[in-house]
């Protein structure tokens, strides 16, 4: 929460990362809250992204072309800002945008 870093608070460089029931709030970086590079794999479930800012890529998550988001389930985003383009959720290199499917932040209800 409230990290100001160069690349992304969570940066996956070719690994296999699973994020469940997490809140990313108020982060500011080149790639927003999460960056997936170098054939990395991301599984993202019931997590919330609020008030994150990407200066060069998407506001919440940036995924390099040779990397994969295997699961994007029940995630929520609000008030995220993309520095380039208009994708504030899952920004895929090349211009595509995957959207979050939840209308509320489920993780905020978890103690």
Protein backbone atom coordinates (compact mmCIF):
# COMPACT_ATOMS: atom_id res chain seq x y z
CA UNK A 1 0.00 0.00 0.00
CA UNK A 2 1.18 3.52 -0.91
CA UNK A 3 4.43 2.38 -2.53
CA UNK A 4 6.28 4.69 -4.89
CA UNK A 5 8.79 2.56 -6.78
CA UNK A 6 10.50 2.60 -10.18
CA UNK A 7 8.93 -0.46 -11.81
CA UNK A 8 6.07 -2.04 -9.80
CA UNK A 9 5.60 -3.04 -6.15
CA UNK A 10 5.09 -6.63 -7.34
CA UNK A 11 7.34 -7.44 -10.31
CA UNK A 12 7.35 -10.94 -11.78
CA UNK A 13 10.40 -11.61 -13.97
CA UNK A 14 9.78 -15.03 -15.51
CA UNK A 15 8.25 -16.66 -12.46
CA UNK A 16 4.92 -18.19 -11.55
CA UNK A 17 3.02 -15.87 -9.17
CA UNK A 18 -0.40 -16.35 -7.57
CA UNK A 19 -2.10 -13.40 -5.87
CA UNK A 20 -5.22 -14.15 -3.80
CA UNK A 21 -7.31 -11.92 -1.49
CA UNK A 22 -4.94 -8.96 -1.77
CA UNK A 23 -5.40 -5.20 -1.77
CA UNK A 24 -3.18 -2.94 -3.90
CA UNK A 25 -3.92 0.64 -2.90
CA UNK A 26 -2.24 3.94 -3.73
CA UNK A 27 0.80 2.54 -5.52
CA UNK A 28 2.69 4.64 -8.06
CA UNK A 29 5.18 3.12 -10.52
CA UNK A 30 5.99 2.75 -14.23
CA UNK A 31 3.77 -0.35 -14.50
CA UNK A 32 1.15 0.31 -11.82
CA UNK A 33 0.77 -2.22 -9.00
CA UNK A 34 1.91 -5.43 -10.76
CA UNK A 35 4.24 -6.06 -13.73
CA UNK A 36 4.67 -9.45 -15.43
CA UNK A 37 7.71 -9.81 -17.71
CA UNK A 38 10.04 -12.39 -19.29
CA UNK A 39 7.52 -15.22 -19.85
CA UNK A 40 6.08 -14.78 -16.37
CA UNK A 41 2.75 -16.26 -15.31
CA UNK A 42 0.19 -14.52 -13.08
CA UNK A 43 -2.88 -15.97 -11.42
CA UNK A 44 -5.02 -13.23 -9.85
CA UNK A 45 -8.07 -14.09 -7.71
CA UNK A 46 -10.37 -11.96 -5.49
CA UNK A 47 -7.97 -9.03 -5.28
CA UNK A 48 -8.65 -5.30 -5.33
CA UNK A 49 -6.84 -2.43 -7.04
CA UNK A 50 -7.71 1.07 -5.85
CA UNK A 51 -5.98 4.37 -6.57
CA UNK A 52 -2.92 2.91 -8.33
CA UNK A 53 -1.05 4.84 -11.00
CA UNK A 54 1.16 3.64 -13.84
CA UNK A 55 3.34 6.31 -15.41
CA UNK A 56 4.38 4.32 -18.52
CA UNK A 57 1.91 1.43 -18.69
CA UNK A 58 -1.44 0.36 -17.20
CA UNK A 59 -2.75 1.64 -13.90
CA UNK A 60 -3.20 -1.74 -12.19
CA UNK A 61 -1.27 -4.45 -14.04
CA UNK A 62 1.06 -4.54 -17.05
CA UNK A 63 1.70 -7.85 -18.85
CA UNK A 64 4.51 -8.15 -21.43
CA UNK A 65 3.56 -9.87 -24.72
CA UNK A 66 5.37 -13.15 -23.94
CA UNK A 67 3.88 -13.40 -20.43
CA UNK A 68 0.50 -14.83 -19.36
CA UNK A 69 -2.37 -14.00 -17.04
CA UNK A 70 -3.75 -17.50 -16.52
CA UNK A 71 -6.55 -16.49 -14.16
CA UNK A 72 -8.24 -13.13 -13.67
CA UNK A 73 -11.16 -14.07 -11.41
CA UNK A 74 -13.39 -11.94 -9.15
CA UNK A 75 -10.99 -8.97 -9.08
CA UNK A 76 -12.04 -5.35 -8.66
CA UNK A 77 -10.60 -1.99 -9.68
CA UNK A 78 -11.48 1.62 -8.90
CA UNK A 79 -9.78 5.01 -9.38
CA UNK A 80 -6.68 3.57 -11.08
CA UNK A 81 -4.86 5.78 -13.60
CA UNK A 82 -2.96 4.66 -16.70
CA UNK A 83 -0.07 6.90 -17.76
CA UNK A 84 -0.27 5.76 -21.39
CA UNK A 85 -3.48 4.53 -23.04
CA UNK A 86 -6.76 4.09 -21.25
CA UNK A 87 -6.48 0.60 -19.74
CA UNK A 88 -6.64 0.94 -15.97
CA UNK A 89 -7.05 -2.79 -15.25
CA UNK A 90 -4.94 -5.52 -16.96
CA UNK A 91 -2.93 -3.83 -19.71
CA UNK A 92 -1.51 -6.32 -22.22
CA UNK A 93 1.48 -5.25 -24.29
CA UNK A 94 0.23 -4.50 -27.78
CA UNK A 95 -2.78 -2.52 -26.62
CA UNK A 96 -5.35 -5.08 -25.43
CA UNK A 97 -7.05 -4.66 -22.07
CA UNK A 98 -8.55 -7.36 -19.83
CA UNK A 99 -11.18 -6.11 -17.42
CA UNK A 100 -11.86 -7.09 -13.83
CA UNK A 101 -15.20 -8.82 -13.31
CA UNK A 102 -16.25 -7.86 -9.77
CA UNK A 103 -18.36 -4.80 -9.03
CA UNK A 104 -17.23 -4.65 -5.39
CA UNK A 105 -14.02 -5.33 -3.52
CA UNK A 106 -14.44 -8.78 -2.01
CA UNK A 107 -10.99 -8.70 -0.36
CA UNK A 108 -11.86 -5.56 1.62
CA UNK A 109 -14.35 -7.70 3.56
CA UNK A 110 -11.67 -10.15 4.65
CA UNK A 111 -10.14 -9.28 8.07
